[in-house]
Amino acid sequence: MDADFLQSAYRLAVAFAIGILIGIERGWKERGAEEGERRFGLRTLAVIGLLGGLSGLLTEQFGGLLLGLMFLALSAFFGLVHATQRDDLRDVGLTTEIAALATFLLAALAGLGHLALASAAAVVMSVVLSYKSVLHTWLRNLEAAELAAAFKLLLLSVVMLPLLPDRGYGPWQTLNPYVIWWMVVLIAAISFVGYFAIRIAGSRTGIVFTALFGGLASSTATTLNLARLGGQGEGRQGLFAGGILLACGTMFPRMLLIATAIHPPLFMLLAAPALTMALLTYGPALLLLLRPDVDTRGGNLLPQNPVELMPAFFFGALLAVIMVLGEALTQWFGDAGVLGLAAASGIADVDAITLSLARMSEQDLTAVIAVLGIVIAAGVNSLVKAGMALVIGGRGIGLRVVATLGAAVLAGVGVVWLTYGWPG
């Protein structure tokens, strides 16, 4: 059988399936309507899908004008149907008509050979259509400040971030506008997610969610956000301290995975100190989060603004200072020591130095020095976050975090020292 025929048949089948998929969702919505009252059901949308697939196939031979004319004709027909039926039906919305036009275009996309894109878009559209009541409930419950915060976050990330140059400026070319602004966006995003997590799920569950997923992105940013919120939640400092520790604990297995991905032999050397620090951090975190006497109502913990920009800008400025300071320490004292470099780098970030040392261990750096450097960087970073928790969150949060992370850091360095010795 001709290969072109099989390819065209496959495209038509996908286009037909797209129409059936949308048709099932729309038909189920109108399943209670009497025969003749349904505007677009399963069969109609399946045929529209087939029509779109045929139009896509013919477009390859006769040009895009044919597809445009077919779309205009179908739009005019749907407009006529809507106008004639709106007096008889209570629902005068245009959702079904728009869905039918989108079905035609997606099927045409499949007919043109973009099968994966068309299929994925059809599935997403079906999900959105089926969640009508949920989406409307969200809109009814959404407050003006929350909507404005979402637009602010989009402005910071989608509009401003891509415009910034991704290169170094200033002393030693250490100030990268893109990286600094990315941290501002990250802190604002964690603040936004944490706000809704606490609002929807309550304090305990919301903080756990924010800590786990925020910690995977940036435990430093999550620490800043939770410490700021914890300073406002009198009597619940233990809950926020537990969230901070949970976020900080994710850094240790994360650095183990990063180092192992770059240089697999490091796993056996780094596993013991990394997992020791993780366990000593997760244990107190769970004890604080699971205390049965903790008040878990979250309403009065919500800030007035879901996206607090001033703390995000402050952290961006602080990050810039730390980046310059870390590079200055390296330049002034030389990189005789990789450990000094690791300590200076750990002030601002752990992932970057972990990647660097893991790559260096593939060449002329011994694996033990690499592991010790990674542990020192993680220790310095943990102590910086403990200081942030103490200064921003207050004594109730800070002392718990300082004690736990301090013990974890000492244990991690101690494991390396006892196992491999200290370099001379």
Protein backbone atom coordinates (compact mmCIF):
# COMPACT_ATOMS: atom_id res chain seq x y z
CA MET A 1 0.00 0.00 0.00
CA ASP A 2 1.25 3.50 -0.87
CA ALA A 3 3.13 5.20 2.01
CA ASP A 4 1.56 8.61 1.26
CA PHE A 5 -1.90 7.05 1.50
CA LEU A 6 -1.12 5.53 4.88
CA GLN A 7 0.28 8.79 6.18
CA SER A 8 -2.81 10.72 5.04
CA ALA A 9 -5.10 8.11 6.56
CA TYR A 10 -3.23 8.32 9.86
CA ARG A 11 -3.58 12.10 9.92
CA LEU A 12 -7.30 11.86 9.19
CA ALA A 13 -7.70 9.30 11.95
CA VAL A 14 -6.05 11.63 14.47
CA ALA A 15 -8.22 14.54 13.29
CA PHE A 16 -11.33 12.37 13.60
CA ALA A 17 -10.24 11.29 17.11
CA ILE A 18 -9.83 14.94 18.11
CA GLY A 19 -13.39 15.63 17.02
CA ILE A 20 -14.66 12.60 18.94
CA LEU A 21 -12.78 13.65 22.08
CA ILE A 22 -14.26 17.16 22.10
CA GLY A 23 -17.60 15.73 21.04
CA ILE A 24 -17.73 13.36 24.02
CA GLU A 25 -17.12 16.23 26.43
CA ARG A 26 -19.67 18.54 24.80
CA GLY A 27 -22.19 15.75 24.29
CA TRP A 28 -21.94 14.72 27.94
CA LYS A 29 -22.67 18.32 28.98
CA GLU A 30 -25.89 18.30 26.93
CA ARG A 31 -26.83 14.67 27.52
CA GLY A 32 -30.10 15.67 29.21
CA ALA A 33 -31.34 17.73 26.25
CA GLU A 34 -34.08 16.42 24.01
CA GLU A 35 -33.31 15.24 20.50
CA GLY A 36 -33.03 18.28 18.23
CA GLU A 37 -32.17 20.68 21.06
CA ARG A 38 -28.47 19.83 21.10
CA ARG A 39 -26.43 22.29 19.07
CA PHE A 40 -23.20 20.35 18.78
CA GLY A 41 -22.97 16.79 19.98
CA LEU A 42 -20.67 13.85 19.50
CA ARG A 43 -21.49 13.17 15.85
CA THR A 44 -21.38 16.83 14.80
CA LEU A 45 -17.98 17.48 16.36
CA ALA A 46 -16.61 14.20 15.02
CA VAL A 47 -17.60 15.30 11.52
CA ILE A 48 -16.10 18.75 12.15
CA GLY A 49 -12.87 17.00 13.12
CA LEU A 50 -12.92 15.00 9.92
CA LEU A 51 -13.66 18.16 7.93
CA GLY A 52 -10.71 19.92 9.59
CA GLY A 53 -8.41 17.00 8.81
CA LEU A 54 -9.46 17.00 5.15
CA SER A 55 -8.96 20.77 4.98
CA GLY A 56 -5.45 20.36 6.37
CA LEU A 57 -4.61 17.71 3.79
CA LEU A 58 -5.99 19.80 0.92
CA THR A 59 -4.12 22.89 2.18
CA GLU A 60 -0.82 21.18 1.38
CA GLN A 61 -1.90 21.02 -2.28
CA PHE A 62 -3.97 24.18 -2.76
CA GLY A 63 -2.44 26.60 -0.24
CA GLY A 64 -3.57 28.27 2.97
CA LEU A 65 -6.34 30.28 1.29
CA LEU A 66 -8.52 27.16 1.18
CA LEU A 67 -8.16 26.63 4.93
CA GLY A 68 -8.95 30.28 5.62
CA LEU A 69 -12.10 30.18 3.48
CA MET A 70 -13.26 26.96 5.15
CA PHE A 71 -12.77 28.53 8.58
CA LEU A 72 -14.67 31.69 7.61
CA ALA A 73 -17.53 29.66 6.16
CA LEU A 74 -17.74 27.50 9.28
CA SER A 75 -17.65 30.59 11.51
CA ALA A 76 -20.49 32.20 9.55
CA PHE A 77 -22.53 29.01 9.80
CA PHE A 78 -22.00 28.73 13.55
CA GLY A 79 -22.95 32.39 13.97
CA LEU A 80 -26.18 31.77 12.09
CA VAL A 81 -26.98 28.71 14.20
CA HIS A 82 -26.32 30.65 17.39
CA ALA A 83 -28.52 33.55 16.28
CA THR A 84 -31.47 31.30 15.38
CA GLN A 85 -31.31 29.23 18.58
CA ARG A 86 -30.59 31.81 21.25
CA ASP A 87 -34.30 32.63 21.73
CA ASP A 88 -35.17 28.99 22.38
CA LEU A 89 -32.35 28.03 24.73
CA ARG A 90 -31.54 29.43 28.16
CA ASP A 91 -27.79 29.05 27.64
CA VAL A 92 -26.77 31.71 25.11
CA GLY A 93 -23.04 31.31 25.70
CA LEU A 94 -20.61 30.83 22.87
CA THR A 95 -18.46 28.16 24.49
CA THR A 96 -19.71 25.30 22.32
CA GLU A 97 -19.40 27.29 19.09
CA ILE A 98 -15.87 28.39 19.95
CA ALA A 99 -15.01 24.80 20.92
CA ALA A 100 -16.29 23.63 17.54
CA LEU A 101 -14.12 26.16 15.71
CA ALA A 102 -11.12 25.16 17.82
CA THR A 103 -11.84 21.51 16.98
CA PHE A 104 -11.76 22.35 13.29
CA LEU A 105 -8.42 24.16 13.63
CA LEU A 106 -6.84 21.41 15.73
CA ALA A 107 -8.03 18.78 13.27
CA ALA A 108 -6.60 20.89 10.42
CA LEU A 109 -3.31 21.03 12.33
CA ALA A 110 -3.36 17.24 12.50
CA GLY A 111 -4.11 17.10 8.80
CA LEU A 112 -1.01 19.20 8.18
CA GLY A 113 1.09 16.66 10.08
CA HIS A 114 1.47 18.31 13.50
CA LEU A 115 -0.06 15.33 15.26
CA ALA A 116 1.52 15.58 18.71
CA LEU A 117 0.78 19.29 19.09
CA ALA A 118 -2.81 18.93 17.88
CA SER A 119 -3.49 15.94 20.14
CA ALA A 120 -1.99 17.60 23.21
CA ALA A 121 -3.94 20.81 22.63
CA ALA A 122 -7.18 18.82 22.20
CA VAL A 123 -6.65 17.05 25.51
CA VAL A 124 -5.94 20.34 27.29
CA MET A 125 -9.04 21.93 25.75
CA SER A 126 -11.19 18.98 26.85
CA VAL A 127 -9.92 19.30 30.41
CA VAL A 128 -10.59 23.05 30.48
CA LEU A 129 -14.11 22.56 29.10
CA SER A 130 -14.92 19.83 31.62
CA TYR A 131 -13.84 21.97 34.59
CA LYS A 132 -16.39 24.70 34.00
CA SER A 133 -17.93 24.66 37.49
CA VAL A 134 -14.54 24.46 39.21
CA LEU A 135 -13.10 27.35 37.22
CA HIS A 136 -16.18 29.49 37.82
CA THR A 137 -15.99 28.76 41.55
CA TRP A 138 -12.35 29.86 41.57
CA LEU A 139 -13.27 33.09 39.82
CA ARG A 140 -16.08 33.80 42.27
CA ASN A 141 -13.75 33.26 45.23
CA LEU A 142 -10.83 35.19 43.73
CA GLU A 143 -10.27 38.56 45.35
CA ALA A 144 -9.10 41.70 43.56
CA ALA A 145 -5.74 41.75 45.38
CA GLU A 146 -5.09 38.11 44.41
CA LEU A 147 -5.84 38.76 40.75
CA ALA A 148 -3.61 41.84 40.76
CA ALA A 149 -0.84 39.81 42.41
CA ALA A 150 -1.05 37.18 39.66
CA PHE A 151 -0.69 39.86 36.99
CA LYS A 152 2.28 41.38 38.85
CA LEU A 153 3.99 38.01 38.96
CA LEU A 154 3.40 37.54 35.23
CA LEU A 155 4.82 41.01 34.57
CA LEU A 156 7.96 40.21 36.55
CA SER A 157 8.52 36.82 34.93
CA VAL A 158 7.06 36.76 31.44
CA VAL A 159 7.68 40.39 30.44
CA MET A 160 10.70 41.68 32.36
CA LEU A 161 12.87 38.59 32.90
CA PRO A 162 13.47 37.76 29.20
CA LEU A 163 14.54 41.37 28.56
CA LEU A 164 17.46 41.27 30.99
CA PRO A 165 20.96 40.37 29.74
CA ASP A 166 22.33 37.02 30.86
CA ARG A 167 25.95 38.11 31.35
CA GLY A 168 28.19 39.46 34.09
CA TYR A 169 28.73 43.13 34.98
CA GLY A 170 30.58 45.03 37.69
CA PRO A 171 33.50 43.81 39.81
CA TRP A 172 34.94 40.61 38.38
CA GLN A 173 31.86 40.36 36.12
CA THR A 174 29.94 38.83 39.04
CA LEU A 175 26.66 40.73 38.75
CA ASN A 176 24.37 38.93 36.34
CA PRO A 177 21.05 40.86 35.96
CA TYR A 178 19.20 37.80 34.65
CA VAL A 179 20.26 35.58 37.56
CA ILE A 180 19.50 38.26 40.17
CA TRP A 181 16.08 39.03 38.71
CA TRP A 182 15.36 35.31 38.39
CA MET A 183 15.80 35.04 42.17
CA VAL A 184 13.41 37.97 42.64
CA VAL A 185 10.86 36.18 40.47
CA LEU A 186 11.44 32.92 42.33
CA ILE A 187 10.85 34.50 45.74
CA ALA A 188 7.72 36.25 44.49
CA ALA A 189 6.44 32.98 42.99
CA ILE A 190 7.07 31.03 46.21
CA SER A 191 5.27 33.76 48.14
CA PHE A 192 2.33 33.48 45.72
CA VAL A 193 2.16 29.68 45.90
CA GLY A 194 2.56 29.70 49.67
CA TYR A 195 -0.27 32.23 50.06
CA PHE A 196 -2.76 30.05 48.22
CA ALA A 197 -1.48 26.84 49.80
CA ILE A 198 -2.15 28.25 53.28
CA ARG A 199 -5.46 29.77 52.23
CA ILE A 200 -6.78 26.56 50.67
CA ALA A 201 -5.28 23.86 52.88
CA GLY A 202 -4.71 25.62 56.22
CA SER A 203 -1.45 26.41 57.97
CA ARG A 204 0.04 22.95 58.43
CA THR A 205 -0.70 21.42 55.03
CA GLY A 206 -0.08 24.68 53.21
CA ILE A 207 3.31 25.18 54.86
CA VAL A 208 4.34 21.58 54.15
CA PHE A 209 3.40 22.00 50.48
CA THR A 210 5.24 25.31 50.22
CA ALA A 211 8.32 23.95 51.99
CA LEU A 212 8.62 20.79 49.90
CA PHE A 213 8.11 22.30 46.47
CA GLY A 214 9.65 25.68 47.28
CA GLY A 215 12.66 23.91 48.77
CA LEU A 216 13.21 22.01 45.55
CA ALA A 217 13.43 25.32 43.69
CA SER A 218 15.30 27.38 46.29
CA SER A 219 15.50 26.59 50.00
CA THR A 220 16.94 30.07 50.58
CA ALA A 221 13.98 31.82 48.98
CA THR A 222 11.57 29.54 50.82
CA THR A 223 13.31 30.26 54.12
CA LEU A 224 12.95 33.99 53.49
CA ASN A 225 9.24 33.69 52.71
CA LEU A 226 8.33 31.38 55.60
CA ALA A 227 10.40 33.40 58.08
CA ARG A 228 8.57 36.55 57.02
CA LEU A 229 5.18 34.87 57.38
CA GLY A 230 6.21 33.28 60.68
CA GLY A 231 7.05 36.67 62.12
CA GLN A 232 3.36 37.57 61.66
CA GLY A 233 1.94 34.35 63.15
CA GLU A 234 2.18 34.72 66.91
CA GLY A 235 2.10 31.41 68.76
CA ARG A 236 2.88 29.34 65.69
CA GLN A 237 6.58 29.90 65.26
CA GLY A 238 7.23 26.18 65.68
CA LEU A 239 5.04 25.44 62.66
CA PHE A 240 6.96 27.85 60.44
CA ALA A 241 10.29 26.69 61.83
CA GLY A 242 9.31 23.16 60.82
CA GLY A 243 8.50 24.37 57.31
CA ILE A 244 11.84 26.14 57.01
CA LEU A 245 13.70 23.03 58.17
CA LEU A 246 11.75 20.87 55.74
CA ALA A 247 12.74 23.20 52.88
CA CYS A 248 16.37 23.34 54.02
CA GLY A 249 16.51 19.56 54.34
CA THR A 250 15.70 19.12 50.65
CA MET A 251 19.02 20.77 49.75
CA PHE A 252 21.08 17.83 51.00
CA PRO A 253 19.58 15.03 48.85
CA ARG A 254 19.40 17.50 45.95
CA MET A 255 23.15 18.18 46.06
CA LEU A 256 23.77 14.42 46.28
CA LEU A 257 21.74 13.87 43.11
CA ILE A 258 23.47 16.74 41.27
CA ALA A 259 26.97 15.55 42.15
CA THR A 260 26.12 11.94 41.26
CA ALA A 261 24.65 12.97 37.92
CA ILE A 262 27.93 14.72 37.00
CA HIS A 263 30.35 12.17 38.48
CA PRO A 264 28.68 8.92 39.67
CA PRO A 265 31.64 7.73 41.83
CA LEU A 266 30.96 10.67 44.18
CA PHE A 267 27.76 9.01 45.37
CA MET A 268 29.46 6.53 47.68
CA LEU A 269 31.62 9.28 49.21
CA LEU A 270 28.95 11.97 49.54
CA ALA A 271 25.98 9.78 50.54
CA ALA A 272 26.92 9.40 54.22
CA PRO A 273 27.40 13.12 55.08
CA ALA A 274 24.51 14.28 52.86
CA LEU A 275 22.00 11.80 54.26
CA THR A 276 23.20 12.42 57.82
CA MET A 277 22.53 16.16 57.43
CA ALA A 278 19.19 15.46 55.76
CA LEU A 279 17.99 13.14 58.54
CA LEU A 280 19.10 15.52 61.29
CA THR A 281 17.13 18.29 59.58
CA TYR A 282 14.02 16.34 58.61
CA GLY A 283 13.60 14.80 62.08
CA PRO A 284 13.05 18.06 64.01
CA ALA A 285 11.05 19.44 61.06
CA LEU A 286 8.54 16.60 61.26
CA LEU A 287 8.32 16.86 65.04
CA LEU A 288 7.48 20.55 64.76
CA LEU A 289 5.01 20.10 61.90
CA LEU A 290 3.17 17.12 63.38
CA ARG A 291 2.67 18.47 66.89
CA PRO A 292 -1.03 17.83 67.67
CA ASP A 293 -1.43 21.01 69.74
CA VAL A 294 -0.56 23.34 66.87
CA ASP A 295 -3.35 25.63 65.69
CA THR A 296 -3.64 24.93 61.98
CA ARG A 297 -6.09 27.62 60.94
CA GLY A 298 -4.45 29.65 58.25
CA GLY A 299 -6.70 32.62 57.59
CA ASN A 300 -5.03 35.15 59.88
CA LEU A 301 -1.58 34.21 58.63
CA LEU A 302 -2.26 35.45 55.11
CA PRO A 303 -0.52 38.69 54.19
CA GLN A 304 -2.62 41.42 52.65
CA ASN A 305 -0.71 41.05 49.38
CA PRO A 306 -0.14 37.52 47.97
CA VAL A 307 3.02 38.71 46.19
CA GLU A 308 5.23 40.73 48.53
CA LEU A 309 7.59 42.55 46.20
CA MET A 310 9.70 44.48 48.71
CA PRO A 311 11.14 41.33 50.39
CA ALA A 312 11.82 39.92 46.91
CA PHE A 313 13.65 43.09 45.84
CA PHE A 314 15.55 43.15 49.13
CA PHE A 315 16.70 39.58 48.61
CA GLY A 316 17.76 40.37 45.03
CA ALA A 317 19.93 43.22 46.32
CA LEU A 318 21.30 40.99 49.08
CA LEU A 319 22.14 38.30 46.54
CA ALA A 320 24.05 40.83 44.44
CA VAL A 321 26.13 41.87 47.47
CA ILE A 322 26.82 38.23 48.38
CA MET A 323 27.87 37.39 44.82
CA VAL A 324 30.41 40.22 44.82
CA LEU A 325 31.61 39.32 48.33
CA GLY A 326 32.08 35.65 47.45
CA GLU A 327 34.11 36.48 44.35
CA ALA A 328 36.15 39.05 46.28
CA LEU A 329 37.11 36.45 48.88
CA THR A 330 38.21 34.11 46.13
CA GLN A 331 40.26 36.80 44.36
CA TRP A 332 41.91 38.16 47.49
CA PHE A 333 42.89 34.83 48.98
CA GLY A 334 43.43 33.04 45.69
CA ASP A 335 41.96 29.72 44.85
CA ALA A 336 44.75 27.84 46.62
CA GLY A 337 42.17 26.48 48.36
CA VAL A 338 39.19 24.86 46.84
CA LEU A 339 37.68 24.71 50.32
CA GLY A 340 37.86 28.49 50.70
CA LEU A 341 36.22 28.80 47.31
CA ALA A 342 33.51 26.36 48.39
CA ALA A 343 32.86 28.28 51.61
CA ALA A 344 32.65 31.61 49.77
CA SER A 345 30.40 30.17 47.06
CA GLY A 346 28.17 28.49 49.62
CA ILE A 347 27.18 31.90 50.98
CA ALA A 348 25.00 32.47 47.92
CA ASP A 349 24.41 29.10 46.27
CA VAL A 350 25.16 25.39 46.67
CA ASP A 351 24.18 23.99 43.29
CA ALA A 352 26.77 26.00 41.34
CA ILE A 353 29.72 24.94 43.48
CA THR A 354 28.44 21.36 43.58
CA LEU A 355 28.43 21.25 39.80
CA SER A 356 31.89 22.84 39.62
CA LEU A 357 33.52 20.51 42.14
CA ALA A 358 31.88 17.44 40.63
CA ARG A 359 33.29 18.36 37.21
CA MET A 360 36.72 19.11 38.71
CA SER A 361 36.73 15.70 40.42
CA GLU A 362 36.52 14.10 36.98
CA GLN A 363 39.90 15.65 36.16
CA ASP A 364 42.63 16.55 38.66
CA LEU A 365 40.73 17.23 41.90
CA THR A 366 40.60 14.35 44.35
CA ALA A 367 37.13 13.03 45.15
CA VAL A 368 37.61 13.52 48.90
CA ILE A 369 38.41 17.23 48.45
CA ALA A 370 35.40 17.58 46.19
CA VAL A 371 33.12 15.94 48.76
CA LEU A 372 34.51 18.04 51.60
CA GLY A 373 34.10 21.19 49.53
CA ILE A 374 30.47 20.33 48.75
CA VAL A 375 29.74 19.64 52.42
CA ILE A 376 31.40 22.90 53.49
CA ALA A 377 29.39 24.85 50.90
CA ALA A 378 26.18 23.21 52.13
CA GLY A 379 27.17 23.99 55.72
CA VAL A 380 27.86 27.65 55.03
CA ASN A 381 24.63 27.97 53.07
CA SER A 382 22.68 26.34 55.89
CA LEU A 383 24.16 28.73 58.45
CA VAL A 384 23.28 31.69 56.23
CA LYS A 385 19.67 30.49 56.07
CA ALA A 386 19.66 29.95 59.84
CA GLY A 387 20.79 33.56 60.27
CA MET A 388 18.03 34.75 57.93
CA ALA A 389 15.43 32.81 59.93
CA LEU A 390 16.70 34.36 63.19
CA VAL A 391 16.83 37.94 61.88
CA ILE A 392 13.59 37.90 59.86
CA GLY A 393 11.45 35.39 61.74
CA GLY A 394 12.52 36.28 65.28
CA ARG A 395 13.84 34.21 68.16
CA GLY A 396 10.90 31.79 68.24
CA ILE A 397 11.67 30.58 64.72
CA GLY A 398 15.36 31.41 64.51
CA LEU A 399 16.59 29.54 67.57
CA ARG A 400 14.90 26.32 66.47
CA VAL A 401 16.35 26.63 62.97
CA VAL A 402 19.82 27.64 64.16
CA ALA A 403 20.04 24.73 66.61
CA THR A 404 18.89 22.14 64.08
CA LEU A 405 20.92 23.31 61.10
CA GLY A 406 23.97 23.91 63.28
CA ALA A 407 23.84 20.33 64.54
CA ALA A 408 23.32 19.01 61.00
CA VAL A 409 26.30 20.95 59.66
CA LEU A 410 28.62 19.78 62.46
CA ALA A 411 27.49 16.20 61.92
CA GLY A 412 28.06 16.38 58.16
CA VAL A 413 31.56 17.83 58.49
CA GLY A 414 32.29 15.35 61.26
CA VAL A 415 31.29 12.38 59.11
CA VAL A 416 33.66 13.51 56.35
CA TRP A 417 36.48 14.15 58.83
CA LEU A 418 36.10 10.82 60.63
CA THR A 419 35.70 8.85 57.40
CA TYR A 420 38.28 10.46 55.13
CA GLY A 421 40.40 12.63 57.42
CA TRP A 422 41.11 16.36 57.08
CA PRO A 423 43.38 17.48 54.24
CA GLY A 424 46.77 18.73 55.30
